[in-house]
PDB file of all heavy atoms in Angstrom:
ATOM      1  N   SER A   1       0.816  -1.205   0.000  1.00  0.00           N
ATOM      2  CA  SER A   1       0.000   0.000   0.000  1.00  0.00           C
ATOM      3  C   SER A   1       0.859   1.268   0.000  1.00  0.00           C
ATOM      4  O   SER A   1       0.595   2.216  -0.739  1.00  0.00           O
ATOM      5  CB  SER A   1      -0.931  -0.012   1.212  1.00  0.00           C
ATOM      6  OG  SER A   1      -1.725   1.138   1.251  1.00  0.00           O
ATOM      7  N   ALA A   2       1.894   1.271   0.812  1.00  0.00           N
ATOM      8  CA  ALA A   2       2.770   2.437   0.906  1.00  0.00           C
ATOM      9  C   ALA A   2       3.546   2.674  -0.387  1.00  0.00           C
ATOM     10  O   ALA A   2       3.653   3.813  -0.861  1.00  0.00           O
ATOM     11  CB  ALA A   2       3.735   2.278   2.076  1.00  0.00           C
ATOM     12  N   VAL A   3       4.068   1.609  -0.971  1.00  0.00           N
ATOM     13  CA  VAL A   3       4.834   1.765  -2.215  1.00  0.00           C
ATOM     14  C   VAL A   3       3.900   2.149  -3.356  1.00  0.00           C
ATOM     15  O   VAL A   3       4.251   2.973  -4.209  1.00  0.00           O
ATOM     16  CB  VAL A   3       5.655   0.500  -2.537  1.00  0.00           C
ATOM     17  CG1 VAL A   3       6.342   0.628  -3.887  1.00  0.00           C
ATOM     18  CG2 VAL A   3       6.694   0.255  -1.445  1.00  0.00           C
ATOM     19  N   PHE A   4       2.685   1.597  -3.369  1.00  0.00           N
ATOM     20  CA  PHE A   4       1.716   1.990  -4.383  1.00  0.00           C
ATOM     21  C   PHE A   4       1.408   3.485  -4.265  1.00  0.00           C
ATOM     22  O   PHE A   4       1.352   4.196  -5.266  1.00  0.00           O
ATOM     23  CB  PHE A   4       0.439   1.157  -4.274  1.00  0.00           C
ATOM     24  CG  PHE A   4      -0.570   1.497  -5.336  1.00  0.00           C
ATOM     25  CD1 PHE A   4      -0.403   1.063  -6.637  1.00  0.00           C
ATOM     26  CD2 PHE A   4      -1.676   2.279  -5.036  1.00  0.00           C
ATOM     27  CE1 PHE A   4      -1.312   1.390  -7.623  1.00  0.00           C
ATOM     28  CE2 PHE A   4      -2.597   2.606  -6.007  1.00  0.00           C
ATOM     29  CZ  PHE A   4      -2.418   2.163  -7.314  1.00  0.00           C
ATOM     30  N   ALA A   5       1.221   3.962  -3.045  1.00  0.00           N
ATOM     31  CA  ALA A   5       0.973   5.395  -2.835  1.00  0.00           C
ATOM     32  C   ALA A   5       2.168   6.221  -3.322  1.00  0.00           C
ATOM     33  O   ALA A   5       1.995   7.297  -3.910  1.00  0.00           O
ATOM     34  CB  ALA A   5       0.694   5.673  -1.359  1.00  0.00           C
ATOM     35  N   ALA A   6       3.362   5.711  -3.100  1.00  0.00           N
ATOM     36  CA  ALA A   6       4.560   6.410  -3.571  1.00  0.00           C
ATOM     37  C   ALA A   6       4.600   6.468  -5.093  1.00  0.00           C
ATOM     38  O   ALA A   6       4.990   7.494  -5.664  1.00  0.00           O
ATOM     39  CB  ALA A   6       5.824   5.735  -3.027  1.00  0.00           C
ATOM     40  N   THR A   7       4.182   5.387  -5.770  1.00  0.00           N
ATOM     41  CA  THR A   7       4.170   5.406  -7.236  1.00  0.00           C
ATOM     42  C   THR A   7       3.155   6.427  -7.751  1.00  0.00           C
ATOM     43  O   THR A   7       3.419   7.122  -8.731  1.00  0.00           O
ATOM     44  CB  THR A   7       3.876   4.021  -7.851  1.00  0.00           C
ATOM     45  OG1 THR A   7       2.583   3.585  -7.459  1.00  0.00           O
ATOM     46  CG2 THR A   7       4.927   3.010  -7.479  1.00  0.00           C
ATOM     47  N   GLU A   8       2.013   6.521  -7.071  1.00  0.00           N
ATOM     48  CA  GLU A   8       1.014   7.519  -7.478  1.00  0.00           C
ATOM     49  C   GLU A   8       1.551   8.935  -7.284  1.00  0.00           C
ATOM     50  O   GLU A   8       1.383   9.796  -8.147  1.00  0.00           O
ATOM     51  CB  GLU A   8      -0.273   7.331  -6.699  1.00  0.00           C
ATOM     52  CG  GLU A   8      -1.056   6.099  -7.111  1.00  0.00           C
ATOM     53  CD  GLU A   8      -2.377   5.975  -6.372  1.00  0.00           C
ATOM     54  OE1 GLU A   8      -2.440   6.339  -5.179  1.00  0.00           O
ATOM     55  OE2 GLU A   8      -3.343   5.528  -7.009  1.00  0.00           O
ATOM     56  N   ALA A   9       2.184   9.183  -6.140  1.00  0.00           N
ATOM     57  CA  ALA A   9       2.740  10.504  -5.861  1.00  0.00           C
ATOM     58  C   ALA A   9       3.841  10.854  -6.856  1.00  0.00           C
ATOM     59  O   ALA A   9       3.898  11.982  -7.363  1.00  0.00           O
ATOM     60  CB  ALA A   9       3.273  10.556  -4.432  1.00  0.00           C
ATOM     61  N   LEU A  10       4.704   9.894  -7.145  1.00  0.00           N
ATOM     62  CA  LEU A  10       5.783  10.148  -8.100  1.00  0.00           C
ATOM     63  C   LEU A  10       5.225  10.389  -9.492  1.00  0.00           C
ATOM     64  O   LEU A  10       5.715  11.253 -10.221  1.00  0.00           O
ATOM     65  CB  LEU A  10       6.779   8.981  -8.105  1.00  0.00           C
ATOM     66  CG  LEU A  10       8.002   9.162  -8.997  1.00  0.00           C
ATOM     67  CD1 LEU A  10       8.784  10.411  -8.617  1.00  0.00           C
ATOM     68  CD2 LEU A  10       8.878   7.928  -8.930  1.00  0.00           C
ATOM     69  N   SER A  11       4.194   9.660  -9.851  1.00  0.00           N
ATOM     70  CA  SER A  11       3.565   9.860 -11.152  1.00  0.00           C
ATOM     71  C   SER A  11       3.036  11.286 -11.289  1.00  0.00           C
ATOM     72  O   SER A  11       3.153  11.913 -12.343  1.00  0.00           O
ATOM     73  CB  SER A  11       2.426   8.849 -11.338  1.00  0.00           C
ATOM     74  OG  SER A  11       1.808   9.032 -12.581  1.00  0.00           O
ATOM     75  N   GLU A  12       2.466  11.806 -10.210  1.00  0.00           N
ATOM     76  CA  GLU A  12       1.950  13.175 -10.221  1.00  0.00           C
ATOM     77  C   GLU A  12       3.070  14.210 -10.275  1.00  0.00           C
ATOM     78  O   GLU A  12       2.821  15.366 -10.623  1.00  0.00           O
ATOM     79  CB  GLU A  12       1.081  13.411  -8.992  1.00  0.00           C
ATOM     80  CG  GLU A  12      -0.216  12.618  -9.025  1.00  0.00           C
ATOM     81  CD  GLU A  12      -1.027  12.754  -7.751  1.00  0.00           C
ATOM     82  OE1 GLU A  12      -0.716  13.645  -6.918  1.00  0.00           O
ATOM     83  OE2 GLU A  12      -1.971  11.966  -7.588  1.00  0.00           O
ATOM     84  N   ALA A  13       4.275  13.797  -9.945  1.00  0.00           N
ATOM     85  CA  ALA A  13       5.421  14.704  -9.960  1.00  0.00           C
ATOM     86  C   ALA A  13       6.248  14.556 -11.233  1.00  0.00           C
ATOM     87  O   ALA A  13       7.428  14.911 -11.263  1.00  0.00           O
ATOM     88  CB  ALA A  13       6.294  14.449  -8.733  1.00  0.00           C
ATOM     89  N   ALA A  14       5.621  14.049 -12.280  1.00  0.00           N
ATOM     90  CA  ALA A  14       6.331  13.865 -13.554  1.00  0.00           C
ATOM     91  C   ALA A  14       6.813  15.211 -14.094  1.00  0.00           C
ATOM     92  O   ALA A  14       6.169  16.247 -13.870  1.00  0.00           O
ATOM     93  CB  ALA A  14       5.404  13.197 -14.573  1.00  0.00           C
ATOM     94  N   PRO A  15       7.932  15.198 -14.783  1.00  0.00           N
ATOM     95  CA  PRO A  15       8.460  16.457 -15.307  1.00  0.00           C
ATOM     96  C   PRO A  15       7.532  17.068 -16.365  1.00  0.00           C
ATOM     97  O   PRO A  15       6.831  16.358 -17.076  1.00  0.00           O
ATOM     98  CB  PRO A  15       9.809  16.062 -15.923  1.00  0.00           C
ATOM     99  CG  PRO A  15       9.824  14.594 -16.017  1.00  0.00           C
ATOM    100  CD  PRO A  15       8.781  14.055 -15.100  1.00  0.00           C
ATOM    101  N   ASN A  16       7.561  18.372 -16.424  1.00  0.00           N
ATOM    102  CA  ASN A  16       6.784  19.127 -17.399  1.00  0.00           C
ATOM    103  C   ASN A  16       7.768  19.874 -18.298  1.00  0.00           C
ATOM    104  O   ASN A  16       8.696  20.531 -17.793  1.00  0.00           O
ATOM    105  CB  ASN A  16       5.867  20.113 -16.663  1.00  0.00           C
ATOM    106  CG  ASN A  16       4.923  20.837 -17.593  1.00  0.00           C
ATOM    107  OD1 ASN A  16       5.327  21.367 -18.614  1.00  0.00           O
ATOM    108  ND2 ASN A  16       3.656  20.855 -17.211  1.00  0.00           N
ATOM    109  N   ALA A  17       7.560  19.802 -19.585  1.00  0.00           N
ATOM    110  CA  ALA A  17       8.507  20.378 -20.549  1.00  0.00           C
ATOM    111  C   ALA A  17       8.760  21.863 -20.296  1.00  0.00           C
ATOM    112  O   ALA A  17       9.883  22.348 -20.485  1.00  0.00           O
ATOM    113  CB  ALA A  17       8.003  20.165 -21.968  1.00  0.00           C
ATOM    114  N   ARG A  18       7.752  22.598 -19.844  1.00  0.00           N
ATOM    115  CA  ARG A  18       7.953  24.051 -19.658  1.00  0.00           C
ATOM    116  C   ARG A  18       8.940  24.369 -18.532  1.00  0.00           C
ATOM    117  O   ARG A  18       9.427  25.492 -18.448  1.00  0.00           O
ATOM    118  CB  ARG A  18       6.617  24.749 -19.453  1.00  0.00           C
ATOM    119  CG  ARG A  18       5.939  24.469 -18.157  1.00  0.00           C
ATOM    120  CD  ARG A  18       4.651  25.299 -18.011  1.00  0.00           C
ATOM    121  NE  ARG A  18       3.932  24.826 -16.848  1.00  0.00           N
ATOM    122  CZ  ARG A  18       2.851  24.080 -16.876  1.00  0.00           C
ATOM    123  NH1 ARG A  18       2.328  23.719 -18.034  1.00  0.00           N
ATOM    124  NH2 ARG A  18       2.256  23.687 -15.774  1.00  0.00           N
ATOM    125  N   ASP A  19       9.225  23.375 -17.685  1.00  0.00           N
ATOM    126  CA  ASP A  19      10.190  23.597 -16.613  1.00  0.00           C
ATOM    127  C   ASP A  19      11.631  23.327 -17.052  1.00  0.00           C
ATOM    128  O   ASP A  19      12.565  23.568 -16.280  1.00  0.00           O
ATOM    129  CB  ASP A  19       9.856  22.703 -15.410  1.00  0.00           C
ATOM    130  CG  ASP A  19       8.477  23.000 -14.841  1.00  0.00           C
ATOM    131  OD1 ASP A  19       8.065  24.180 -14.861  1.00  0.00           O
ATOM    132  OD2 ASP A  19       7.804  22.049 -14.398  1.00  0.00           O
ATOM    133  N   TYR A  20      11.795  22.823 -18.254  1.00  0.00           N
ATOM    134  CA  TYR A  20      13.128  22.404 -18.703  1.00  0.00           C
ATOM    135  C   TYR A  20      13.622  23.086 -19.974  1.00  0.00           C
ATOM    136  O   TYR A  20      14.815  23.081 -20.241  1.00  0.00           O
ATOM    137  CB  TYR A  20      13.159  20.877 -18.902  1.00  0.00           C
ATOM    138  CG  TYR A  20      12.995  20.135 -17.604  1.00  0.00           C
ATOM    139  CD1 TYR A  20      11.736  19.778 -17.130  1.00  0.00           C
ATOM    140  CD2 TYR A  20      14.100  19.837 -16.811  1.00  0.00           C
ATOM    141  CE1 TYR A  20      11.573  19.139 -15.922  1.00  0.00           C
ATOM    142  CE2 TYR A  20      13.946  19.190 -15.590  1.00  0.00           C
ATOM    143  CZ  TYR A  20      12.682  18.848 -15.158  1.00  0.00           C
ATOM    144  OH  TYR A  20      12.523  18.209 -13.940  1.00  0.00           O
ATOM    145  N   TYR A  21      12.717  23.678 -20.782  1.00  0.00           N
ATOM    146  CA  TYR A  21      13.169  24.193 -22.073  1.00  0.00           C
ATOM    147  C   TYR A  21      14.261  25.258 -21.984  1.00  0.00           C
ATOM    148  O   TYR A  21      15.114  25.329 -22.874  1.00  0.00           O
ATOM    149  CB  TYR A  21      11.996  24.668 -22.941  1.00  0.00           C
ATOM    150  CG  TYR A  21      11.373  25.976 -22.538  1.00  0.00           C
ATOM    151  CD1 TYR A  21      11.904  27.186 -22.987  1.00  0.00           C
ATOM    152  CD2 TYR A  21      10.247  26.015 -21.727  1.00  0.00           C
ATOM    153  CE1 TYR A  21      11.331  28.393 -22.622  1.00  0.00           C
ATOM    154  CE2 TYR A  21       9.667  27.205 -21.356  1.00  0.00           C
ATOM    155  CZ  TYR A  21      10.216  28.398 -21.806  1.00  0.00           C
ATOM    156  OH  TYR A  21       9.643  29.580 -21.455  1.00  0.00           O
ATOM    157  N   PRO A  22      14.332  26.051 -20.888  1.00  0.00           N
ATOM    158  CA  PRO A  22      15.440  27.010 -20.836  1.00  0.00           C
ATOM    159  C   PRO A  22      16.824  26.347 -20.743  1.00  0.00           C
ATOM    160  O   PRO A  22      17.837  26.980 -21.007  1.00  0.00           O
ATOM    161  CB  PRO A  22      15.161  27.835 -19.566  1.00  0.00           C
ATOM    162  CG  PRO A  22      13.696  27.702 -19.333  1.00  0.00           C
ATOM    163  CD  PRO A  22      13.373  26.293 -19.787  1.00  0.00           C
ATOM    164  N   GLN A  23      16.842  25.065 -20.377  1.00  0.00           N
ATOM    165  CA  GLN A  23      18.112  24.359 -20.206  1.00  0.00           C
ATOM    166  C   GLN A  23      18.638  23.740 -21.492  1.00  0.00           C
ATOM    167  O   GLN A  23      19.703  23.149 -21.505  1.00  0.00           O
ATOM    168  CB  GLN A  23      17.949  23.264 -19.150  1.00  0.00           C
ATOM    169  CG  GLN A  23      17.570  23.795 -17.791  1.00  0.00           C
ATOM    170  CD  GLN A  23      17.312  22.676 -16.800  1.00  0.00           C
ATOM    171  OE1 GLN A  23      17.925  21.611 -16.872  1.00  0.00           O
ATOM    172  NE2 GLN A  23      16.390  22.914 -15.876  1.00  0.00           N
ATOM    173  N   GLY A  24      17.866  23.809 -22.563  1.00  0.00           N
ATOM    174  CA  GLY A  24      18.320  23.263 -23.829  1.00  0.00           C
ATOM    175  C   GLY A  24      17.412  22.156 -24.333  1.00  0.00           C
ATOM    176  O   GLY A  24      16.485  21.710 -23.651  1.00  0.00           O
ATOM    177  N   ASP A  25      17.683  21.715 -25.540  1.00  0.00           N
ATOM    178  CA  ASP A  25      16.823  20.764 -26.242  1.00  0.00           C
ATOM    179  C   ASP A  25      16.729  19.395 -25.581  1.00  0.00           C
ATOM    180  O   ASP A  25      15.699  18.747 -25.662  1.00  0.00           O
ATOM    181  CB  ASP A  25      17.299  20.589 -27.686  1.00  0.00           C
ATOM    182  CG  ASP A  25      17.143  21.866 -28.510  1.00  0.00           C
ATOM    183  OD1 ASP A  25      16.327  22.728 -28.111  1.00  0.00           O
ATOM    184  OD2 ASP A  25      17.835  21.998 -29.534  1.00  0.00           O
ATOM    185  N   ASP A  26      17.785  18.941 -24.943  1.00  0.00           N
ATOM    186  CA  ASP A  26      17.804  17.588 -24.385  1.00  0.00           C
ATOM    187  C   ASP A  26      17.388  17.508 -22.916  1.00  0.00           C
ATOM    188  O   ASP A  26      17.226  16.411 -22.375  1.00  0.00           O
ATOM    189  CB  ASP A  26      19.208  16.972 -24.525  1.00  0.00           C
ATOM    190  CG  ASP A  26      19.608  16.785 -25.979  1.00  0.00           C
ATOM    191  OD1 ASP A  26      18.706  16.594 -26.815  1.00  0.00           O
ATOM    192  OD2 ASP A  26      20.814  16.832 -26.261  1.00  0.00           O
ATOM    193  N   ALA A  27      17.201  18.646 -22.272  1.00  0.00           N
ATOM    194  CA  ALA A  27      16.958  18.655 -20.827  1.00  0.00           C
ATOM    195  C   ALA A  27      15.664  17.931 -20.453  1.00  0.00           C
ATOM    196  O   ALA A  27      15.646  17.139 -19.504  1.00  0.00           O
ATOM    197  CB  ALA A  27      16.929  20.089 -20.311  1.00  0.00           C
ATOM    198  N   PHE A  28      14.584  18.189 -21.180  1.00  0.00           N
ATOM    199  CA  PHE A  28      13.310  17.553 -20.840  1.00  0.00           C
ATOM    200  C   PHE A  28      13.376  16.050 -21.060  1.00  0.00           C
ATOM    201  O   PHE A  28      12.908  15.275 -20.223  1.00  0.00           O
ATOM    202  CB  PHE A  28      12.162  18.163 -21.635  1.00  0.00           C
ATOM    203  CG  PHE A  28      10.838  17.513 -21.377  1.00  0.00           C
ATOM    204  CD1 PHE A  28      10.287  17.497 -20.105  1.00  0.00           C
ATOM    205  CD2 PHE A  28      10.146  16.881 -22.397  1.00  0.00           C
ATOM    206  CE1 PHE A  28       9.069  16.881 -19.847  1.00  0.00           C
ATOM    207  CE2 PHE A  28       8.926  16.272 -22.155  1.00  0.00           C
ATOM    208  CZ  PHE A  28       8.387  16.275 -20.883  1.00  0.00           C
TER     209      PHE A  28
END
């Protein structure tokens, strides 16, 4: 149950391209 909750939380924390584009083409 705890690890499943962690997978859900991590899934919600997936990277978003707009947070990385200033770092260059490969950052995202």
